[in-house]
């Protein structure tokens, strides 16, 4: 990493919002570490933006530890990795889909943030951003087609955003 460029880590950088965020940060002068399960896509992106690509599975503690080992200093962490599964009403819920979504969208955010916290603290002004989606705001509890009166509950991605917001201003 260049001594005069600050480092930004973007998880889920292989496509969509993560890829666009990596491009924007590179355009703003950051040295970008594009991290995702689909390494080949991150490598292509890193070549285009002058960054670095790392394979990352946020559901795998060893993968997250490898990321932290490879990034000694970081000024920005964009937690974007995750996905939308288990969006059916609770009465039709598939536990494995919910478990997978929770593992990536909530535990993944915690895992990556915790692992990179020392690198962020070394920057003296580290920022952590958690990307969510409007779809993640809530899930119908019973109705296949939500009605205004349908009971709703927060999805894992919304929980991660709430957790992040509650930690604003404090690294610990």
N, C-alpha and C. Protein backbone atom coordinates (compact mmCIF):
# COMPACT_ATOMS: atom_id res chain seq x y z
N UNK A 1 0.83 -1.17 0.00
CA UNK A 1 0.00 0.00 0.00
C UNK A 1 0.88 1.24 0.00
N UNK A 2 0.43 2.24 -0.68
CA UNK A 2 1.15 3.50 -0.78
C UNK A 2 1.10 4.25 0.55
N UNK A 3 2.23 4.85 0.93
CA UNK A 3 2.31 5.57 2.19
C UNK A 3 1.46 6.84 2.18
N UNK A 4 1.22 7.41 1.00
CA UNK A 4 0.49 8.68 0.94
C UNK A 4 -0.99 8.52 0.60
N UNK A 5 -1.46 7.33 0.38
CA UNK A 5 -2.89 7.10 0.11
C UNK A 5 -3.50 6.32 1.25
N UNK A 6 -4.65 6.77 1.71
CA UNK A 6 -5.36 6.05 2.77
C UNK A 6 -6.06 4.84 2.17
N UNK A 7 -6.20 3.80 2.97
CA UNK A 7 -6.78 2.55 2.51
C UNK A 7 -8.25 2.44 2.89
N UNK A 8 -9.04 1.99 1.93
CA UNK A 8 -10.45 1.69 2.16
C UNK A 8 -10.68 0.22 1.82
N UNK A 9 -11.35 -0.50 2.69
CA UNK A 9 -11.71 -1.90 2.47
C UNK A 9 -13.19 -1.96 2.15
N UNK A 10 -13.53 -2.63 1.04
CA UNK A 10 -14.92 -2.78 0.64
C UNK A 10 -15.23 -4.26 0.56
N UNK A 11 -16.15 -4.74 1.42
CA UNK A 11 -16.56 -6.14 1.33
C UNK A 11 -17.71 -6.24 0.33
N UNK A 12 -17.86 -7.39 -0.27
CA UNK A 12 -18.89 -7.56 -1.28
C UNK A 12 -18.62 -6.71 -2.50
N UNK A 13 -17.34 -6.54 -2.83
CA UNK A 13 -16.94 -5.63 -3.91
C UNK A 13 -16.99 -6.26 -5.30
N UNK A 14 -17.43 -7.48 -5.40
CA UNK A 14 -17.39 -8.15 -6.70
C UNK A 14 -18.49 -7.72 -7.66
N UNK A 15 -19.50 -7.00 -7.17
CA UNK A 15 -20.57 -6.54 -8.05
C UNK A 15 -21.44 -5.51 -7.33
N UNK A 16 -22.34 -4.91 -8.07
CA UNK A 16 -23.36 -4.04 -7.52
C UNK A 16 -22.85 -2.85 -6.73
N UNK A 17 -23.48 -2.62 -5.58
CA UNK A 17 -23.14 -1.47 -4.73
C UNK A 17 -21.68 -1.54 -4.28
N UNK A 18 -21.20 -2.73 -3.94
CA UNK A 18 -19.82 -2.87 -3.50
C UNK A 18 -18.83 -2.47 -4.58
N UNK A 19 -19.07 -2.92 -5.79
CA UNK A 19 -18.19 -2.56 -6.91
C UNK A 19 -18.25 -1.05 -7.15
N UNK A 20 -19.44 -0.48 -7.18
CA UNK A 20 -19.59 0.96 -7.41
C UNK A 20 -18.92 1.76 -6.30
N UNK A 21 -19.03 1.30 -5.07
CA UNK A 21 -18.40 1.98 -3.94
C UNK A 21 -16.88 1.93 -4.06
N UNK A 22 -16.35 0.78 -4.44
CA UNK A 22 -14.90 0.65 -4.63
C UNK A 22 -14.41 1.62 -5.70
N UNK A 23 -15.15 1.72 -6.79
CA UNK A 23 -14.77 2.65 -7.87
C UNK A 23 -14.81 4.10 -7.38
N UNK A 24 -15.85 4.45 -6.62
CA UNK A 24 -15.98 5.82 -6.12
C UNK A 24 -14.85 6.16 -5.14
N UNK A 25 -14.52 5.24 -4.27
CA UNK A 25 -13.44 5.48 -3.31
C UNK A 25 -12.10 5.61 -4.01
N UNK A 26 -11.87 4.78 -5.03
CA UNK A 26 -10.62 4.90 -5.80
C UNK A 26 -10.57 6.26 -6.49
N UNK A 27 -11.70 6.68 -7.04
CA UNK A 27 -11.78 7.99 -7.69
C UNK A 27 -11.54 9.14 -6.73
N UNK A 28 -11.83 8.91 -5.44
CA UNK A 28 -11.61 9.93 -4.42
C UNK A 28 -10.19 9.88 -3.86
N UNK A 29 -9.38 8.97 -4.40
CA UNK A 29 -7.98 8.92 -3.99
C UNK A 29 -7.60 7.85 -3.00
N UNK A 30 -8.54 7.00 -2.63
CA UNK A 30 -8.23 5.90 -1.70
C UNK A 30 -7.56 4.75 -2.43
N UNK A 31 -6.71 4.06 -1.72
CA UNK A 31 -6.20 2.78 -2.17
C UNK A 31 -7.24 1.76 -1.71
N UNK A 32 -7.88 1.08 -2.63
CA UNK A 32 -9.02 0.23 -2.31
C UNK A 32 -8.63 -1.24 -2.25
N UNK A 33 -9.07 -1.89 -1.19
CA UNK A 33 -8.97 -3.34 -1.09
C UNK A 33 -10.37 -3.87 -1.38
N UNK A 34 -10.53 -4.51 -2.53
CA UNK A 34 -11.81 -5.08 -2.95
C UNK A 34 -11.84 -6.53 -2.47
N UNK A 35 -12.78 -6.84 -1.58
CA UNK A 35 -12.83 -8.16 -0.97
C UNK A 35 -14.20 -8.80 -1.19
N UNK A 36 -14.18 -10.06 -1.61
CA UNK A 36 -15.44 -10.79 -1.83
C UNK A 36 -15.12 -12.26 -2.07
N UNK A 37 -16.17 -13.08 -2.08
CA UNK A 37 -16.00 -14.51 -2.37
C UNK A 37 -15.56 -14.73 -3.82
N UNK A 38 -16.05 -13.90 -4.72
CA UNK A 38 -15.73 -14.06 -6.15
C UNK A 38 -14.45 -13.29 -6.47
N UNK A 39 -13.33 -13.91 -6.14
CA UNK A 39 -12.02 -13.27 -6.26
C UNK A 39 -11.72 -12.79 -7.67
N UNK A 40 -12.07 -13.58 -8.68
CA UNK A 40 -11.75 -13.20 -10.06
C UNK A 40 -12.40 -11.87 -10.44
N UNK A 41 -13.59 -11.62 -9.96
CA UNK A 41 -14.24 -10.33 -10.25
C UNK A 41 -13.54 -9.19 -9.52
N UNK A 42 -13.12 -9.46 -8.28
CA UNK A 42 -12.39 -8.43 -7.52
C UNK A 42 -11.04 -8.15 -8.16
N UNK A 43 -10.39 -9.18 -8.69
CA UNK A 43 -9.10 -8.97 -9.35
C UNK A 43 -9.25 -8.08 -10.57
N UNK A 44 -10.30 -8.30 -11.33
CA UNK A 44 -10.56 -7.46 -12.51
C UNK A 44 -10.82 -6.02 -12.08
N UNK A 45 -11.64 -5.85 -11.06
CA UNK A 45 -11.93 -4.52 -10.54
C UNK A 45 -10.66 -3.84 -10.03
N UNK A 46 -9.89 -4.56 -9.24
CA UNK A 46 -8.66 -4.00 -8.66
C UNK A 46 -7.69 -3.54 -9.76
N UNK A 47 -7.61 -4.32 -10.81
CA UNK A 47 -6.74 -3.93 -11.94
C UNK A 47 -7.23 -2.63 -12.56
N UNK A 48 -8.53 -2.50 -12.70
CA UNK A 48 -9.11 -1.30 -13.33
C UNK A 48 -8.96 -0.04 -12.47
N UNK A 49 -8.99 -0.19 -11.15
CA UNK A 49 -8.97 0.98 -10.27
C UNK A 49 -7.63 1.18 -9.56
N UNK A 50 -6.67 0.31 -9.82
CA UNK A 50 -5.38 0.43 -9.16
C UNK A 50 -5.42 0.03 -7.70
N UNK A 51 -6.26 -0.94 -7.38
CA UNK A 51 -6.40 -1.39 -6.00
C UNK A 51 -5.84 -2.79 -5.82
N UNK A 52 -6.37 -3.46 -4.81
CA UNK A 52 -5.92 -4.81 -4.49
C UNK A 52 -7.14 -5.68 -4.25
N UNK A 53 -7.07 -6.94 -4.64
CA UNK A 53 -8.19 -7.88 -4.48
C UNK A 53 -7.83 -8.94 -3.45
N UNK A 54 -8.80 -9.25 -2.60
CA UNK A 54 -8.63 -10.32 -1.63
C UNK A 54 -9.90 -11.17 -1.59
N UNK A 55 -9.70 -12.46 -1.44
CA UNK A 55 -10.84 -13.36 -1.30
C UNK A 55 -11.36 -13.24 0.13
N UNK A 56 -12.68 -13.12 0.27
CA UNK A 56 -13.27 -12.97 1.60
C UNK A 56 -14.64 -13.63 1.63
N UNK A 57 -14.84 -14.47 2.63
CA UNK A 57 -16.15 -15.01 2.95
C UNK A 57 -16.45 -14.56 4.38
N UNK A 58 -17.35 -13.61 4.54
CA UNK A 58 -17.62 -13.04 5.86
C UNK A 58 -18.22 -14.04 6.84
N UNK A 59 -18.69 -15.18 6.34
CA UNK A 59 -19.24 -16.22 7.22
C UNK A 59 -18.16 -17.15 7.76
N UNK A 60 -16.93 -16.98 7.29
CA UNK A 60 -15.82 -17.85 7.67
C UNK A 60 -14.81 -17.07 8.51
N UNK A 61 -14.72 -17.35 9.81
CA UNK A 61 -13.79 -16.61 10.67
C UNK A 61 -12.34 -16.65 10.18
N UNK A 62 -11.90 -17.76 9.60
CA UNK A 62 -10.53 -17.85 9.10
C UNK A 62 -10.32 -16.92 7.91
N UNK A 63 -11.31 -16.81 7.05
CA UNK A 63 -11.23 -15.91 5.91
C UNK A 63 -11.15 -14.46 6.38
N UNK A 64 -11.94 -14.12 7.39
CA UNK A 64 -11.93 -12.76 7.93
C UNK A 64 -10.58 -12.47 8.59
N UNK A 65 -10.03 -13.45 9.30
CA UNK A 65 -8.70 -13.27 9.92
C UNK A 65 -7.63 -13.05 8.86
N UNK A 66 -7.73 -13.75 7.74
CA UNK A 66 -6.77 -13.55 6.64
C UNK A 66 -6.87 -12.14 6.07
N UNK A 67 -8.09 -11.63 5.97
CA UNK A 67 -8.28 -10.26 5.51
C UNK A 67 -7.57 -9.30 6.46
N UNK A 68 -7.81 -9.45 7.76
CA UNK A 68 -7.21 -8.57 8.75
C UNK A 68 -5.68 -8.64 8.70
N UNK A 69 -5.14 -9.83 8.49
CA UNK A 69 -3.68 -9.98 8.38
C UNK A 69 -3.13 -9.25 7.17
N UNK A 70 -3.91 -9.21 6.10
CA UNK A 70 -3.47 -8.60 4.85
C UNK A 70 -3.66 -7.09 4.80
N UNK A 71 -4.40 -6.54 5.77
CA UNK A 71 -4.69 -5.10 5.79
C UNK A 71 -4.25 -4.52 7.13
N UNK A 72 -2.98 -4.13 7.23
CA UNK A 72 -2.48 -3.61 8.51
C UNK A 72 -3.02 -2.23 8.88
N UNK A 73 -3.38 -1.43 7.89
CA UNK A 73 -3.91 -0.09 8.13
C UNK A 73 -5.10 0.16 7.23
N UNK A 74 -6.14 0.76 7.79
CA UNK A 74 -7.33 1.10 7.00
C UNK A 74 -7.98 2.34 7.60
N UNK A 75 -8.42 3.22 6.73
CA UNK A 75 -9.13 4.43 7.17
C UNK A 75 -10.64 4.27 7.04
N UNK A 76 -11.06 3.38 6.13
CA UNK A 76 -12.49 3.20 5.86
C UNK A 76 -12.78 1.72 5.70
N UNK A 77 -13.87 1.27 6.30
CA UNK A 77 -14.39 -0.08 6.09
C UNK A 77 -15.82 0.05 5.61
N UNK A 78 -16.09 -0.49 4.44
CA UNK A 78 -17.46 -0.54 3.91
C UNK A 78 -17.94 -1.98 4.02
N UNK A 79 -18.83 -2.24 4.98
CA UNK A 79 -19.43 -3.57 5.15
C UNK A 79 -20.61 -3.67 4.18
N UNK A 80 -20.37 -4.29 3.04
CA UNK A 80 -21.40 -4.42 2.02
C UNK A 80 -21.76 -5.87 1.73
N UNK A 81 -20.90 -6.80 2.10
CA UNK A 81 -21.16 -8.21 1.80
C UNK A 81 -22.44 -8.65 2.49
N UNK A 82 -23.19 -9.47 1.82
CA UNK A 82 -24.43 -10.00 2.39
C UNK A 82 -25.40 -10.32 1.28
N UNK A 83 -26.58 -10.65 1.65
CA UNK A 83 -27.56 -10.98 0.64
C UNK A 83 -28.95 -11.08 1.23
N UNK A 84 -29.92 -11.12 0.35
CA UNK A 84 -31.32 -11.20 0.77
C UNK A 84 -31.83 -12.61 0.52
N UNK A 85 -32.00 -13.33 1.59
CA UNK A 85 -32.64 -14.65 1.55
C UNK A 85 -33.64 -14.68 2.68
N UNK A 86 -34.51 -15.63 2.69
CA UNK A 86 -35.44 -15.77 3.80
C UNK A 86 -36.39 -14.60 3.92
N UNK A 87 -36.87 -14.07 2.80
CA UNK A 87 -37.77 -12.93 2.83
C UNK A 87 -39.24 -13.32 2.82
N UNK A 88 -39.51 -14.60 2.81
CA UNK A 88 -40.90 -15.05 2.81
C UNK A 88 -41.51 -14.81 4.20
N UNK A 89 -42.83 -14.78 4.28
CA UNK A 89 -43.47 -14.61 5.59
C UNK A 89 -42.99 -15.67 6.57
N UNK A 90 -43.00 -15.35 7.84
CA UNK A 90 -42.51 -16.26 8.87
C UNK A 90 -43.21 -17.61 8.81
N UNK A 91 -44.48 -17.62 8.51
CA UNK A 91 -45.21 -18.88 8.46
C UNK A 91 -44.65 -19.82 7.40
N UNK A 92 -43.97 -19.27 6.41
CA UNK A 92 -43.38 -20.07 5.32
C UNK A 92 -41.86 -20.07 5.39
N UNK A 93 -41.29 -19.62 6.49
CA UNK A 93 -39.85 -19.41 6.61
C UNK A 93 -39.04 -20.70 6.43
N UNK A 94 -37.94 -20.54 5.73
CA UNK A 94 -36.95 -21.60 5.58
C UNK A 94 -35.82 -21.27 6.55
N UNK A 95 -35.66 -22.07 7.60
CA UNK A 95 -34.68 -21.77 8.64
C UNK A 95 -33.26 -21.66 8.09
N UNK A 96 -32.91 -22.49 7.15
CA UNK A 96 -31.54 -22.45 6.62
C UNK A 96 -31.28 -21.14 5.89
N UNK A 97 -32.26 -20.66 5.12
CA UNK A 97 -32.10 -19.36 4.45
C UNK A 97 -31.93 -18.24 5.47
N UNK A 98 -32.73 -18.27 6.52
CA UNK A 98 -32.63 -17.25 7.56
C UNK A 98 -31.27 -17.32 8.25
N UNK A 99 -30.83 -18.52 8.56
CA UNK A 99 -29.53 -18.71 9.22
C UNK A 99 -28.41 -18.18 8.33
N UNK A 100 -28.46 -18.49 7.06
CA UNK A 100 -27.45 -18.02 6.11
C UNK A 100 -27.45 -16.50 6.05
N UNK A 101 -28.64 -15.90 5.96
CA UNK A 101 -28.73 -14.45 5.88
C UNK A 101 -28.22 -13.80 7.17
N UNK A 102 -28.59 -14.34 8.30
CA UNK A 102 -28.13 -13.79 9.57
C UNK A 102 -26.61 -13.89 9.68
N UNK A 103 -26.08 -15.02 9.28
CA UNK A 103 -24.64 -15.26 9.37
C UNK A 103 -23.86 -14.25 8.53
N UNK A 104 -24.34 -13.94 7.33
CA UNK A 104 -23.61 -13.00 6.49
C UNK A 104 -23.96 -11.55 6.81
N UNK A 105 -25.21 -11.24 7.03
CA UNK A 105 -25.63 -9.84 7.18
C UNK A 105 -25.44 -9.26 8.57
N UNK A 106 -25.41 -10.09 9.59
CA UNK A 106 -25.23 -9.59 10.95
C UNK A 106 -23.87 -10.04 11.50
N UNK A 107 -23.68 -11.32 11.56
CA UNK A 107 -22.42 -11.83 12.11
C UNK A 107 -21.23 -11.43 11.24
N UNK A 108 -21.43 -11.39 9.93
CA UNK A 108 -20.34 -10.98 9.03
C UNK A 108 -19.91 -9.55 9.29
N UNK A 109 -20.88 -8.67 9.51
CA UNK A 109 -20.57 -7.26 9.83
C UNK A 109 -19.76 -7.19 11.12
N UNK A 110 -20.22 -7.90 12.14
CA UNK A 110 -19.51 -7.90 13.42
C UNK A 110 -18.10 -8.46 13.26
N UNK A 111 -17.99 -9.60 12.56
CA UNK A 111 -16.70 -10.27 12.39
C UNK A 111 -15.68 -9.37 11.70
N UNK A 112 -16.07 -8.79 10.56
CA UNK A 112 -15.15 -7.97 9.78
C UNK A 112 -14.79 -6.69 10.55
N UNK A 113 -15.79 -6.06 11.15
CA UNK A 113 -15.53 -4.84 11.90
C UNK A 113 -14.57 -5.12 13.06
N UNK A 114 -14.84 -6.17 13.80
CA UNK A 114 -13.98 -6.53 14.93
C UNK A 114 -12.55 -6.83 14.47
N UNK A 115 -12.43 -7.57 13.39
CA UNK A 115 -11.10 -7.95 12.90
C UNK A 115 -10.30 -6.75 12.39
N UNK A 116 -10.98 -5.78 11.78
CA UNK A 116 -10.28 -4.62 11.23
C UNK A 116 -10.21 -3.44 12.19
N UNK A 117 -10.81 -3.57 13.36
CA UNK A 117 -10.81 -2.48 14.31
C UNK A 117 -9.40 -1.98 14.65
N UNK A 118 -8.42 -2.84 14.90
CA UNK A 118 -7.07 -2.33 15.16
C UNK A 118 -6.51 -1.50 13.99
N UNK A 119 -6.75 -1.94 12.77
CA UNK A 119 -6.28 -1.19 11.59
C UNK A 119 -6.99 0.15 11.49
N UNK A 120 -8.27 0.18 11.78
CA UNK A 120 -9.04 1.42 11.74
C UNK A 120 -8.59 2.37 12.85
N UNK A 121 -8.33 1.84 14.02
CA UNK A 121 -7.88 2.67 15.13
C UNK A 121 -6.51 3.28 14.85
N UNK A 122 -5.64 2.54 14.17
CA UNK A 122 -4.32 3.07 13.82
C UNK A 122 -4.41 4.28 12.90
N UNK A 123 -5.50 4.40 12.16
CA UNK A 123 -5.64 5.54 11.24
C UNK A 123 -6.01 6.82 11.99
N UNK A 124 -6.40 6.70 13.25
CA UNK A 124 -6.83 7.82 14.09
C UNK A 124 -8.15 8.45 13.69
N UNK A 125 -8.73 8.07 12.58
CA UNK A 125 -10.03 8.62 12.19
C UNK A 125 -10.80 7.63 11.32
N UNK A 126 -10.73 6.35 11.67
CA UNK A 126 -11.38 5.31 10.88
C UNK A 126 -12.89 5.43 10.84
N UNK A 127 -13.45 5.08 9.70
CA UNK A 127 -14.90 5.09 9.50
C UNK A 127 -15.37 3.69 9.16
N UNK A 128 -16.52 3.32 9.71
CA UNK A 128 -17.16 2.05 9.38
C UNK A 128 -18.54 2.37 8.83
N UNK A 129 -18.82 1.84 7.64
CA UNK A 129 -20.11 2.03 7.01
C UNK A 129 -20.74 0.66 6.80
N UNK A 130 -22.02 0.54 7.15
CA UNK A 130 -22.76 -0.70 6.92
C UNK A 130 -23.82 -0.42 5.87
N UNK A 131 -23.74 -1.14 4.76
CA UNK A 131 -24.70 -0.99 3.67
C UNK A 131 -25.87 -1.94 3.92
N UNK A 132 -27.06 -1.41 3.81
CA UNK A 132 -28.28 -2.21 3.93
C UNK A 132 -29.15 -1.92 2.72
N UNK A 133 -30.34 -2.42 2.73
CA UNK A 133 -31.25 -2.15 1.62
C UNK A 133 -32.64 -1.90 2.18
N UNK A 134 -33.46 -1.23 1.37
CA UNK A 134 -34.84 -0.99 1.79
C UNK A 134 -35.59 -2.29 1.99
N UNK A 135 -35.25 -3.30 1.19
CA UNK A 135 -35.90 -4.60 1.32
C UNK A 135 -35.66 -5.19 2.70
N UNK A 136 -34.56 -4.80 3.32
CA UNK A 136 -34.21 -5.40 4.60
C UNK A 136 -34.90 -4.73 5.78
N UNK A 137 -35.69 -3.71 5.54
CA UNK A 137 -36.31 -2.97 6.65
C UNK A 137 -37.20 -3.88 7.49
N UNK A 138 -38.01 -4.70 6.86
CA UNK A 138 -38.87 -5.60 7.63
C UNK A 138 -39.40 -6.71 6.75
N UNK A 139 -39.89 -7.73 7.39
CA UNK A 139 -40.39 -8.93 6.72
C UNK A 139 -41.81 -9.20 7.21
N UNK A 140 -42.75 -9.48 6.31
CA UNK A 140 -44.11 -9.78 6.79
C UNK A 140 -44.11 -11.04 7.65
N UNK A 141 -44.81 -10.97 8.75
CA UNK A 141 -44.87 -12.12 9.66
C UNK A 141 -45.82 -13.18 9.13
N UNK A 142 -46.97 -12.75 8.58
CA UNK A 142 -47.94 -13.74 8.18
C UNK A 142 -48.42 -13.62 6.74
N UNK A 143 -48.49 -12.45 6.19
CA UNK A 143 -49.15 -12.28 4.90
C UNK A 143 -48.19 -12.49 3.74
N UNK A 144 -48.65 -13.17 2.71
CA UNK A 144 -47.85 -13.32 1.51
C UNK A 144 -47.70 -11.98 0.80
N UNK A 145 -48.75 -11.19 0.80
CA UNK A 145 -48.71 -9.84 0.26
C UNK A 145 -48.95 -8.88 1.42
N UNK A 146 -47.91 -8.17 1.88
CA UNK A 146 -48.07 -7.32 3.06
C UNK A 146 -49.17 -6.28 2.89
N UNK A 147 -49.96 -6.13 3.92
CA UNK A 147 -51.00 -5.11 4.01
C UNK A 147 -50.56 -4.12 5.09
N UNK A 148 -51.14 -2.93 5.12
CA UNK A 148 -50.74 -1.95 6.15
C UNK A 148 -50.81 -2.50 7.57
N UNK A 149 -51.74 -3.41 7.84
CA UNK A 149 -51.90 -3.92 9.20
C UNK A 149 -51.10 -5.21 9.45
N UNK A 150 -50.36 -5.71 8.46
CA UNK A 150 -49.60 -6.94 8.61
C UNK A 150 -48.49 -6.76 9.64
N UNK A 151 -48.41 -7.62 10.66
CA UNK A 151 -47.29 -7.53 11.60
C UNK A 151 -45.98 -7.72 10.85
N UNK A 152 -44.95 -6.97 11.26
CA UNK A 152 -43.67 -7.05 10.58
C UNK A 152 -42.56 -7.22 11.61
N UNK A 153 -41.44 -7.74 11.16
CA UNK A 153 -40.28 -7.85 12.04
C UNK A 153 -39.03 -7.45 11.29
N UNK A 154 -38.00 -7.08 11.99
CA UNK A 154 -36.76 -6.64 11.36
C UNK A 154 -35.98 -7.82 10.81
N UNK A 155 -35.41 -7.59 9.64
CA UNK A 155 -34.58 -8.62 9.02
C UNK A 155 -33.16 -8.53 9.55
N UNK A 156 -32.35 -9.56 9.33
CA UNK A 156 -30.95 -9.52 9.78
C UNK A 156 -30.17 -8.33 9.25
N UNK A 157 -30.38 -7.94 8.01
CA UNK A 157 -29.62 -6.81 7.46
C UNK A 157 -30.03 -5.52 8.17
N UNK A 158 -31.29 -5.38 8.52
CA UNK A 158 -31.75 -4.21 9.28
C UNK A 158 -31.18 -4.27 10.69
N UNK A 159 -31.08 -5.45 11.26
CA UNK A 159 -30.48 -5.58 12.59
C UNK A 159 -29.04 -5.12 12.57
N UNK A 160 -28.31 -5.47 11.53
CA UNK A 160 -26.91 -5.04 11.42
C UNK A 160 -26.83 -3.53 11.33
N UNK A 161 -27.73 -2.92 10.56
CA UNK A 161 -27.73 -1.47 10.45
C UNK A 161 -28.06 -0.83 11.80
N UNK A 162 -29.00 -1.40 12.52
CA UNK A 162 -29.35 -0.88 13.84
C UNK A 162 -28.19 -1.03 14.80
N UNK A 163 -27.51 -2.17 14.77
CA UNK A 163 -26.35 -2.40 15.62
C UNK A 163 -25.28 -1.37 15.31
N UNK A 164 -25.03 -1.14 14.05
CA UNK A 164 -24.01 -0.19 13.65
C UNK A 164 -24.37 1.22 14.11
N UNK A 165 -25.62 1.61 13.93
CA UNK A 165 -26.06 2.94 14.33
C UNK A 165 -25.93 3.13 15.85
N UNK A 166 -26.18 2.07 16.61
CA UNK A 166 -26.10 2.18 18.07
C UNK A 166 -24.66 2.29 18.54
N UNK A 167 -23.71 1.96 17.68
CA UNK A 167 -22.30 2.01 18.05
C UNK A 167 -21.61 3.26 17.52
N UNK A 168 -22.35 4.15 16.86
CA UNK A 168 -21.77 5.35 16.27
C UNK A 168 -21.02 6.14 17.33
N UNK A 169 -19.83 6.57 16.95
CA UNK A 169 -19.04 7.40 17.84
C UNK A 169 -18.22 6.61 18.83
N UNK A 170 -18.35 5.29 18.82
CA UNK A 170 -17.58 4.48 19.76
C UNK A 170 -17.09 3.24 19.06
N UNK A 171 -15.78 3.02 19.14
CA UNK A 171 -15.20 1.84 18.52
C UNK A 171 -15.42 0.60 19.39
N UNK A 172 -15.76 0.79 20.61
CA UNK A 172 -15.91 -0.36 21.51
C UNK A 172 -17.28 -0.40 22.12
